[in-house]
C-alpha cells in the first residue's frame, strides 16, 4: 500500500492538487490497491468534485466497517432468505459490492480458502450471464456452508 500511496501522491503533486492523507488512503482502499482504479477514481471524482473527498473517505473507511459487522452477524445468525434480503438491501442502499463484502469479512484462513473456491465458481457462472441476485444467493450459501 505504501508504494501505491507514494505514486498516487506523486501524481497528485504533479497535478498541483492538495489532498489530505486520509482521502488518499480511502482512494487506495476503494481501488483495492490497483493503481489504475485509483487514478480512475481520482479522475472521475476528486479532480471534478473536491467536495466528494469527505464522502469518499466516509464510504471507504467508516461506513464499510459497520456494514461488514452487520452483514457478518446476518450471515452467522439469520436464516438464509433473511440474510439474502438484508444484504441485498444494504448493498443497494450503500453501494457495496460483493467483492468488498468478501474481502472485508474476518474469517479463519481455511474458511477463506473454501470461500475463495466458492467465489471462483460464482465468477465462472457469471460468464454465462448470471445476475446479481443469484450471485448474492451463491455467496450467502457459500458462507452458510462454510460455517457448518
N, C-alpha and C. Protein backbone atom coordinates (compact mmCIF):
# COMPACT_ATOMS: atom_id res chain seq x y z
N UNK A 1 0.83 -1.19 0.00
CA UNK A 1 0.00 0.00 0.00
C UNK A 1 0.87 1.26 0.00
N UNK A 2 2.04 1.18 0.65
CA UNK A 2 2.90 2.35 0.74
C UNK A 2 3.37 2.78 -0.64
N UNK A 3 3.76 1.82 -1.48
CA UNK A 3 4.23 2.15 -2.82
C UNK A 3 3.11 2.79 -3.63
N UNK A 4 1.91 2.21 -3.54
CA UNK A 4 0.78 2.76 -4.29
C UNK A 4 0.44 4.16 -3.80
N UNK A 5 0.50 4.34 -2.50
CA UNK A 5 0.23 5.65 -1.91
C UNK A 5 1.28 6.66 -2.37
N UNK A 6 2.54 6.22 -2.44
CA UNK A 6 3.61 7.09 -2.90
C UNK A 6 3.34 7.57 -4.33
N UNK A 7 2.99 6.64 -5.20
CA UNK A 7 2.76 7.01 -6.60
C UNK A 7 1.50 7.86 -6.77
N UNK A 8 0.51 7.59 -5.97
CA UNK A 8 -0.69 8.42 -6.01
C UNK A 8 -0.36 9.84 -5.57
N UNK A 9 0.42 9.96 -4.52
CA UNK A 9 0.88 11.29 -4.06
C UNK A 9 1.69 11.98 -5.16
N UNK A 10 2.53 11.21 -5.84
CA UNK A 10 3.34 11.76 -6.92
C UNK A 10 2.46 12.36 -8.02
N UNK A 11 1.44 11.62 -8.42
CA UNK A 11 0.53 12.09 -9.47
C UNK A 11 -0.21 13.34 -9.01
N UNK A 12 -0.70 13.32 -7.77
CA UNK A 12 -1.46 14.45 -7.24
C UNK A 12 -0.58 15.69 -7.12
N UNK A 13 0.66 15.52 -6.69
CA UNK A 13 1.55 16.69 -6.60
C UNK A 13 1.90 17.20 -7.99
N UNK A 14 2.04 16.32 -8.97
CA UNK A 14 2.31 16.74 -10.35
C UNK A 14 1.14 17.54 -10.91
N UNK A 15 -0.06 17.23 -10.45
CA UNK A 15 -1.26 17.96 -10.87
C UNK A 15 -1.49 19.21 -10.02
N UNK A 16 -0.59 19.43 -9.05
CA UNK A 16 -0.66 20.59 -8.15
C UNK A 16 -1.97 20.64 -7.36
N UNK A 17 -2.35 19.49 -6.84
CA UNK A 17 -3.54 19.39 -6.00
C UNK A 17 -3.14 19.17 -4.55
N UNK A 18 -4.03 19.56 -3.65
CA UNK A 18 -3.81 19.30 -2.23
C UNK A 18 -4.90 18.34 -1.77
N UNK A 19 -4.48 17.14 -1.37
CA UNK A 19 -5.43 16.11 -0.95
C UNK A 19 -4.94 15.56 0.40
N UNK A 20 -5.79 15.58 1.43
CA UNK A 20 -5.39 15.06 2.74
C UNK A 20 -5.01 13.57 2.69
N UNK A 21 -4.15 13.17 3.61
CA UNK A 21 -3.64 11.80 3.68
C UNK A 21 -4.76 10.77 3.82
N UNK A 22 -5.76 11.05 4.66
CA UNK A 22 -6.87 10.11 4.84
C UNK A 22 -7.64 9.88 3.55
N UNK A 23 -7.79 10.92 2.75
CA UNK A 23 -8.50 10.78 1.49
C UNK A 23 -7.71 9.92 0.51
N UNK A 24 -6.40 10.08 0.54
CA UNK A 24 -5.56 9.24 -0.33
C UNK A 24 -5.67 7.77 0.07
N UNK A 25 -5.66 7.52 1.37
CA UNK A 25 -5.80 6.14 1.84
C UNK A 25 -7.16 5.56 1.45
N UNK A 26 -8.18 6.39 1.49
CA UNK A 26 -9.51 5.93 1.09
C UNK A 26 -9.53 5.56 -0.39
N UNK A 27 -8.87 6.35 -1.21
CA UNK A 27 -8.81 6.06 -2.64
C UNK A 27 -8.08 4.73 -2.87
N UNK A 28 -6.96 4.53 -2.18
CA UNK A 28 -6.20 3.28 -2.32
C UNK A 28 -7.05 2.10 -1.87
N UNK A 29 -7.78 2.28 -0.78
CA UNK A 29 -8.62 1.18 -0.27
C UNK A 29 -9.76 0.87 -1.23
N UNK A 30 -10.42 1.90 -1.72
CA UNK A 30 -11.52 1.67 -2.66
C UNK A 30 -11.04 1.01 -3.95
N UNK A 31 -9.83 1.34 -4.34
CA UNK A 31 -9.30 0.78 -5.59
C UNK A 31 -8.70 -0.60 -5.38
N UNK A 32 -8.74 -1.07 -4.13
CA UNK A 32 -8.19 -2.38 -3.78
C UNK A 32 -6.72 -2.49 -4.17
N UNK A 33 -6.02 -1.36 -4.09
CA UNK A 33 -4.59 -1.35 -4.38
C UNK A 33 -4.25 -1.29 -5.85
N UNK A 34 -5.23 -1.28 -6.73
CA UNK A 34 -4.99 -1.22 -8.17
C UNK A 34 -4.79 0.24 -8.57
N UNK A 35 -3.58 0.56 -9.03
CA UNK A 35 -3.24 1.95 -9.34
C UNK A 35 -4.12 2.52 -10.45
N UNK A 36 -4.47 1.70 -11.42
CA UNK A 36 -5.34 2.18 -12.50
C UNK A 36 -6.70 2.59 -11.95
N UNK A 37 -7.26 1.77 -11.06
CA UNK A 37 -8.55 2.11 -10.46
C UNK A 37 -8.42 3.37 -9.61
N UNK A 38 -7.32 3.48 -8.87
CA UNK A 38 -7.12 4.66 -8.02
C UNK A 38 -7.09 5.93 -8.88
N UNK A 39 -6.37 5.88 -9.99
CA UNK A 39 -6.32 7.05 -10.87
C UNK A 39 -7.68 7.33 -11.51
N UNK A 40 -8.42 6.26 -11.82
CA UNK A 40 -9.76 6.46 -12.37
C UNK A 40 -10.67 7.14 -11.35
N UNK A 41 -10.58 6.71 -10.09
CA UNK A 41 -11.39 7.35 -9.04
C UNK A 41 -11.02 8.82 -8.94
N UNK A 42 -9.72 9.08 -8.96
CA UNK A 42 -9.28 10.48 -8.89
C UNK A 42 -9.78 11.27 -10.09
N UNK A 43 -9.62 10.70 -11.27
CA UNK A 43 -10.07 11.41 -12.48
C UNK A 43 -11.56 11.68 -12.46
N UNK A 44 -12.33 10.70 -12.04
CA UNK A 44 -13.78 10.82 -12.10
C UNK A 44 -14.36 11.67 -11.00
N UNK A 45 -13.75 11.65 -9.84
CA UNK A 45 -14.39 12.30 -8.69
C UNK A 45 -13.57 13.40 -8.04
N UNK A 46 -12.35 13.12 -7.70
CA UNK A 46 -11.59 14.08 -6.91
C UNK A 46 -11.32 15.35 -7.72
N UNK A 47 -10.81 15.20 -8.92
CA UNK A 47 -10.48 16.37 -9.68
C UNK A 47 -11.73 17.11 -10.17
N UNK A 48 -12.81 16.40 -10.31
CA UNK A 48 -14.05 17.04 -10.76
C UNK A 48 -14.84 17.65 -9.61
N UNK A 49 -14.86 16.97 -8.48
CA UNK A 49 -15.69 17.40 -7.35
C UNK A 49 -14.89 17.30 -6.06
N UNK A 50 -14.25 18.35 -5.66
CA UNK A 50 -13.40 18.29 -4.46
C UNK A 50 -14.21 18.02 -3.20
N UNK A 51 -15.48 18.34 -3.19
CA UNK A 51 -16.32 18.07 -2.03
C UNK A 51 -16.58 16.58 -1.86
N UNK A 52 -16.35 15.84 -2.90
CA UNK A 52 -16.60 14.39 -2.86
C UNK A 52 -15.62 13.67 -1.94
N UNK A 53 -14.48 14.28 -1.64
CA UNK A 53 -13.45 13.61 -0.86
C UNK A 53 -13.94 13.15 0.50
N UNK A 54 -14.67 14.00 1.19
CA UNK A 54 -15.15 13.62 2.51
C UNK A 54 -16.11 12.44 2.41
N UNK A 55 -16.98 12.45 1.44
CA UNK A 55 -17.91 11.34 1.23
C UNK A 55 -17.14 10.06 0.90
N UNK A 56 -16.10 10.21 0.10
CA UNK A 56 -15.28 9.07 -0.29
C UNK A 56 -14.63 8.43 0.93
N UNK A 57 -14.05 9.25 1.80
CA UNK A 57 -13.40 8.73 3.00
C UNK A 57 -14.41 8.04 3.90
N UNK A 58 -15.56 8.67 4.06
CA UNK A 58 -16.61 8.07 4.89
C UNK A 58 -17.04 6.74 4.33
N UNK A 59 -17.26 6.68 3.05
CA UNK A 59 -17.69 5.45 2.40
C UNK A 59 -16.64 4.36 2.56
N UNK A 60 -15.41 4.70 2.31
CA UNK A 60 -14.36 3.69 2.27
C UNK A 60 -13.96 3.18 3.64
N UNK A 61 -13.94 4.03 4.63
CA UNK A 61 -13.34 3.64 5.89
C UNK A 61 -14.32 3.47 7.04
N UNK A 62 -15.29 4.34 7.17
CA UNK A 62 -16.12 4.33 8.36
C UNK A 62 -17.37 3.48 8.19
N UNK A 63 -18.14 3.74 7.18
CA UNK A 63 -19.40 3.04 6.99
C UNK A 63 -19.15 1.57 6.66
N UNK A 64 -18.16 1.29 5.86
CA UNK A 64 -17.90 -0.07 5.43
C UNK A 64 -17.67 -1.00 6.62
N UNK A 65 -16.93 -0.54 7.62
CA UNK A 65 -16.65 -1.39 8.79
C UNK A 65 -17.94 -1.77 9.52
N UNK A 66 -18.81 -0.81 9.74
CA UNK A 66 -20.07 -1.08 10.42
C UNK A 66 -20.96 -2.01 9.59
N UNK A 67 -20.99 -1.77 8.30
CA UNK A 67 -21.80 -2.60 7.41
C UNK A 67 -21.30 -4.04 7.38
N UNK A 68 -20.01 -4.22 7.36
CA UNK A 68 -19.43 -5.56 7.33
C UNK A 68 -19.76 -6.30 8.62
N UNK A 69 -19.69 -5.60 9.75
CA UNK A 69 -20.07 -6.24 11.02
C UNK A 69 -21.52 -6.70 10.98
N UNK A 70 -22.40 -5.84 10.46
CA UNK A 70 -23.81 -6.18 10.38
C UNK A 70 -24.04 -7.36 9.44
N UNK A 71 -23.38 -7.34 8.30
CA UNK A 71 -23.52 -8.42 7.33
C UNK A 71 -23.01 -9.74 7.92
N UNK A 72 -21.89 -9.68 8.62
CA UNK A 72 -21.35 -10.88 9.28
C UNK A 72 -22.35 -11.45 10.27
N UNK A 73 -22.97 -10.56 11.04
CA UNK A 73 -23.97 -11.02 12.01
C UNK A 73 -25.13 -11.73 11.30
N UNK A 74 -25.64 -11.11 10.23
CA UNK A 74 -26.75 -11.72 9.49
C UNK A 74 -26.35 -13.09 8.94
N UNK A 75 -25.17 -13.17 8.36
CA UNK A 75 -24.73 -14.43 7.76
C UNK A 75 -24.61 -15.55 8.79
N UNK A 76 -24.17 -15.20 9.99
CA UNK A 76 -23.93 -16.21 11.01
C UNK A 76 -25.16 -16.53 11.86
N UNK A 77 -26.12 -15.59 11.92
CA UNK A 77 -27.22 -15.76 12.87
C UNK A 77 -28.62 -15.78 12.27
N UNK A 78 -28.78 -15.37 11.05
CA UNK A 78 -30.11 -15.29 10.44
C UNK A 78 -30.29 -16.41 9.42
N UNK A 79 -31.53 -16.78 9.15
CA UNK A 79 -31.80 -17.78 8.10
C UNK A 79 -31.34 -17.26 6.72
N UNK A 80 -31.12 -18.19 5.83
CA UNK A 80 -30.59 -17.89 4.50
C UNK A 80 -31.38 -16.79 3.79
N UNK A 81 -32.72 -16.93 3.73
CA UNK A 81 -33.53 -15.96 2.98
C UNK A 81 -33.46 -14.56 3.59
N UNK A 82 -33.48 -14.50 4.91
CA UNK A 82 -33.41 -13.18 5.57
C UNK A 82 -32.04 -12.55 5.33
N UNK A 83 -30.98 -13.36 5.41
CA UNK A 83 -29.63 -12.85 5.14
C UNK A 83 -29.55 -12.27 3.74
N UNK A 84 -30.05 -13.01 2.77
CA UNK A 84 -30.01 -12.54 1.38
C UNK A 84 -30.77 -11.23 1.22
N UNK A 85 -31.97 -11.15 1.78
CA UNK A 85 -32.78 -9.94 1.67
C UNK A 85 -32.07 -8.73 2.28
N UNK A 86 -31.57 -8.91 3.49
CA UNK A 86 -30.94 -7.79 4.19
C UNK A 86 -29.64 -7.36 3.53
N UNK A 87 -28.86 -8.32 3.08
CA UNK A 87 -27.61 -7.97 2.40
C UNK A 87 -27.90 -7.27 1.09
N UNK A 88 -28.91 -7.74 0.38
CA UNK A 88 -29.31 -7.09 -0.87
C UNK A 88 -29.74 -5.65 -0.63
N UNK A 89 -30.49 -5.43 0.45
CA UNK A 89 -30.93 -4.07 0.79
C UNK A 89 -29.74 -3.16 1.10
N UNK A 90 -28.82 -3.66 1.92
CA UNK A 90 -27.69 -2.83 2.31
C UNK A 90 -26.76 -2.58 1.12
N UNK A 91 -26.64 -3.57 0.23
CA UNK A 91 -25.83 -3.37 -0.98
C UNK A 91 -26.42 -2.26 -1.83
N UNK A 92 -27.72 -2.28 -2.01
CA UNK A 92 -28.37 -1.26 -2.84
C UNK A 92 -28.32 0.11 -2.16
N UNK A 93 -28.55 0.13 -0.86
CA UNK A 93 -28.59 1.39 -0.12
C UNK A 93 -27.22 2.05 -0.03
N UNK A 94 -26.18 1.25 0.24
CA UNK A 94 -24.84 1.80 0.48
C UNK A 94 -23.91 1.67 -0.72
N UNK A 95 -24.35 0.99 -1.76
CA UNK A 95 -23.50 0.84 -2.94
C UNK A 95 -22.32 -0.11 -2.73
N UNK A 96 -22.51 -1.13 -1.91
CA UNK A 96 -21.45 -2.10 -1.67
C UNK A 96 -21.43 -3.15 -2.77
N UNK A 97 -20.25 -3.67 -3.02
CA UNK A 97 -20.10 -4.77 -3.98
C UNK A 97 -19.81 -6.05 -3.21
N UNK A 98 -20.16 -7.17 -3.79
CA UNK A 98 -19.89 -8.46 -3.14
C UNK A 98 -18.39 -8.65 -2.90
N UNK A 99 -17.58 -8.13 -3.81
CA UNK A 99 -16.13 -8.24 -3.65
C UNK A 99 -15.70 -7.54 -2.36
N UNK A 100 -16.25 -6.35 -2.09
CA UNK A 100 -15.91 -5.63 -0.87
C UNK A 100 -16.32 -6.41 0.36
N UNK A 101 -17.50 -6.99 0.30
CA UNK A 101 -18.01 -7.77 1.44
C UNK A 101 -17.12 -8.98 1.68
N UNK A 102 -16.83 -9.73 0.64
CA UNK A 102 -15.99 -10.92 0.79
C UNK A 102 -14.58 -10.59 1.27
N UNK A 103 -14.05 -9.47 0.81
CA UNK A 103 -12.69 -9.08 1.19
C UNK A 103 -12.62 -8.63 2.64
N UNK A 104 -13.65 -7.98 3.13
CA UNK A 104 -13.61 -7.37 4.46
C UNK A 104 -14.07 -8.26 5.60
N UNK A 105 -14.84 -9.31 5.31
CA UNK A 105 -15.32 -10.18 6.38
C UNK A 105 -14.14 -10.93 6.99
N UNK A 106 -14.05 -10.89 8.31
CA UNK A 106 -12.97 -11.59 9.02
C UNK A 106 -13.34 -13.05 9.20
N UNK A 107 -12.40 -13.94 8.83
CA UNK A 107 -12.64 -15.38 8.96
C UNK A 107 -11.30 -16.10 9.02
N UNK A 108 -11.31 -17.32 9.55
CA UNK A 108 -10.08 -18.12 9.60
C UNK A 108 -9.57 -18.43 8.19
N UNK A 109 -8.27 -18.61 8.04
CA UNK A 109 -7.69 -18.86 6.71
C UNK A 109 -8.31 -20.04 5.96
N UNK A 110 -8.59 -21.14 6.66
CA UNK A 110 -9.14 -22.32 5.97
C UNK A 110 -10.55 -22.04 5.45
N UNK A 111 -11.31 -21.23 6.16
CA UNK A 111 -12.64 -20.85 5.70
C UNK A 111 -12.52 -19.90 4.51
N UNK A 112 -11.55 -18.97 4.57
CA UNK A 112 -11.33 -18.03 3.47
C UNK A 112 -10.96 -18.79 2.19
N UNK A 113 -10.14 -19.81 2.30
CA UNK A 113 -9.75 -20.61 1.12
C UNK A 113 -10.97 -21.27 0.50
N UNK A 114 -11.81 -21.86 1.35
CA UNK A 114 -13.03 -22.50 0.85
C UNK A 114 -13.94 -21.46 0.20
N UNK A 115 -14.05 -20.28 0.81
CA UNK A 115 -14.88 -19.22 0.26
C UNK A 115 -14.33 -18.74 -1.08
N UNK A 116 -13.02 -18.62 -1.19
CA UNK A 116 -12.41 -18.19 -2.45
C UNK A 116 -12.72 -19.20 -3.55
N UNK A 117 -12.67 -20.48 -3.22
CA UNK A 117 -13.04 -21.50 -4.21
C UNK A 117 -14.49 -21.35 -4.65
N UNK A 118 -15.37 -21.09 -3.67
CA UNK A 118 -16.79 -20.88 -4.00
C UNK A 118 -16.96 -19.63 -4.86
N UNK A 119 -16.23 -18.55 -4.52
CA UNK A 119 -16.32 -17.32 -5.30
C UNK A 119 -15.81 -17.53 -6.73
N UNK A 120 -14.81 -18.39 -6.88
CA UNK A 120 -14.32 -18.72 -8.23
C UNK A 120 -15.42 -19.40 -9.04
N UNK A 121 -16.17 -20.28 -8.39
CA UNK A 121 -17.30 -20.93 -9.07
C UNK A 121 -18.36 -19.91 -9.45
N UNK A 122 -18.62 -18.96 -8.54
CA UNK A 122 -19.60 -17.92 -8.83
C UNK A 122 -19.13 -17.08 -10.01
N UNK A 123 -17.84 -16.74 -10.03
CA UNK A 123 -17.27 -15.95 -11.13
C UNK A 123 -17.41 -16.71 -12.45
N UNK A 124 -17.19 -18.01 -12.40
CA UNK A 124 -17.35 -18.83 -13.59
C UNK A 124 -18.79 -18.77 -14.09
N UNK A 125 -19.74 -18.86 -13.15
CA UNK A 125 -21.16 -18.80 -13.53
C UNK A 125 -21.51 -17.45 -14.16
N UNK A 126 -20.81 -16.39 -13.73
CA UNK A 126 -21.07 -15.08 -14.29
C UNK A 126 -20.77 -15.01 -15.78
N UNK A 127 -19.84 -15.85 -16.22
CA UNK A 127 -19.53 -15.84 -17.65
C UNK A 127 -20.71 -16.30 -18.48
N UNK A 128 -21.69 -16.91 -17.82
CA UNK A 128 -22.90 -17.35 -18.51
C UNK A 128 -24.08 -16.43 -18.21
N UNK A 129 -23.80 -15.17 -17.88
CA UNK A 129 -24.80 -14.12 -17.68
C UNK A 129 -25.67 -14.33 -16.45
N UNK A 130 -25.07 -14.74 -15.36
CA UNK A 130 -25.77 -14.86 -14.08
C UNK A 130 -26.01 -13.46 -13.53
N UNK A 131 -27.13 -13.22 -12.85
CA UNK A 131 -27.39 -11.88 -12.36
C UNK A 131 -26.96 -11.69 -10.90
N UNK A 132 -27.05 -10.46 -10.41
CA UNK A 132 -26.58 -10.11 -9.08
C UNK A 132 -27.28 -10.83 -7.95
N UNK A 133 -28.58 -11.08 -8.10
CA UNK A 133 -29.31 -11.78 -7.03
C UNK A 133 -28.83 -13.22 -6.89
N UNK A 134 -28.55 -13.85 -8.02
CA UNK A 134 -28.03 -15.21 -7.97
C UNK A 134 -26.63 -15.23 -7.36
N UNK A 135 -25.83 -14.20 -7.68
CA UNK A 135 -24.51 -14.07 -7.08
C UNK A 135 -24.61 -13.98 -5.57
N UNK A 136 -25.49 -13.10 -5.10
CA UNK A 136 -25.66 -12.90 -3.66
C UNK A 136 -26.11 -14.20 -2.99
N UNK A 137 -27.05 -14.88 -3.61
CA UNK A 137 -27.51 -16.15 -3.06
C UNK A 137 -26.39 -17.18 -2.99
N UNK A 138 -25.55 -17.21 -4.02
CA UNK A 138 -24.42 -18.14 -4.03
C UNK A 138 -23.42 -17.80 -2.94
N UNK A 139 -23.12 -16.51 -2.79
CA UNK A 139 -22.17 -16.09 -1.75
C UNK A 139 -22.72 -16.40 -0.37
N UNK A 140 -23.99 -16.09 -0.13
CA UNK A 140 -24.60 -16.35 1.17
C UNK A 140 -24.60 -17.84 1.46
N UNK A 141 -24.98 -18.63 0.47
CA UNK A 141 -24.97 -20.08 0.64
C UNK A 141 -23.58 -20.62 0.91
N UNK A 142 -22.59 -20.06 0.25
CA UNK A 142 -21.21 -20.47 0.48
C UNK A 142 -20.78 -20.18 1.90
N UNK A 143 -21.12 -19.00 2.39
CA UNK A 143 -20.74 -18.63 3.75
C UNK A 143 -21.48 -19.48 4.78
N UNK A 144 -22.75 -19.76 4.51
CA UNK A 144 -23.51 -20.60 5.42
C UNK A 144 -22.93 -22.01 5.43
N UNK A 145 -22.56 -22.52 4.24
CA UNK A 145 -22.00 -23.87 4.15
C UNK A 145 -20.66 -23.96 4.86
N UNK A 146 -19.81 -22.92 4.78
CA UNK A 146 -18.51 -22.96 5.44
C UNK A 146 -18.64 -22.80 6.94
N UNK A 147 -19.76 -22.23 7.40
CA UNK A 147 -19.98 -22.02 8.83
C UNK A 147 -20.28 -23.34 9.54
N UNK A 148 -20.79 -24.30 8.82
CA UNK A 148 -21.23 -25.56 9.45
C UNK A 148 -20.12 -26.52 9.67
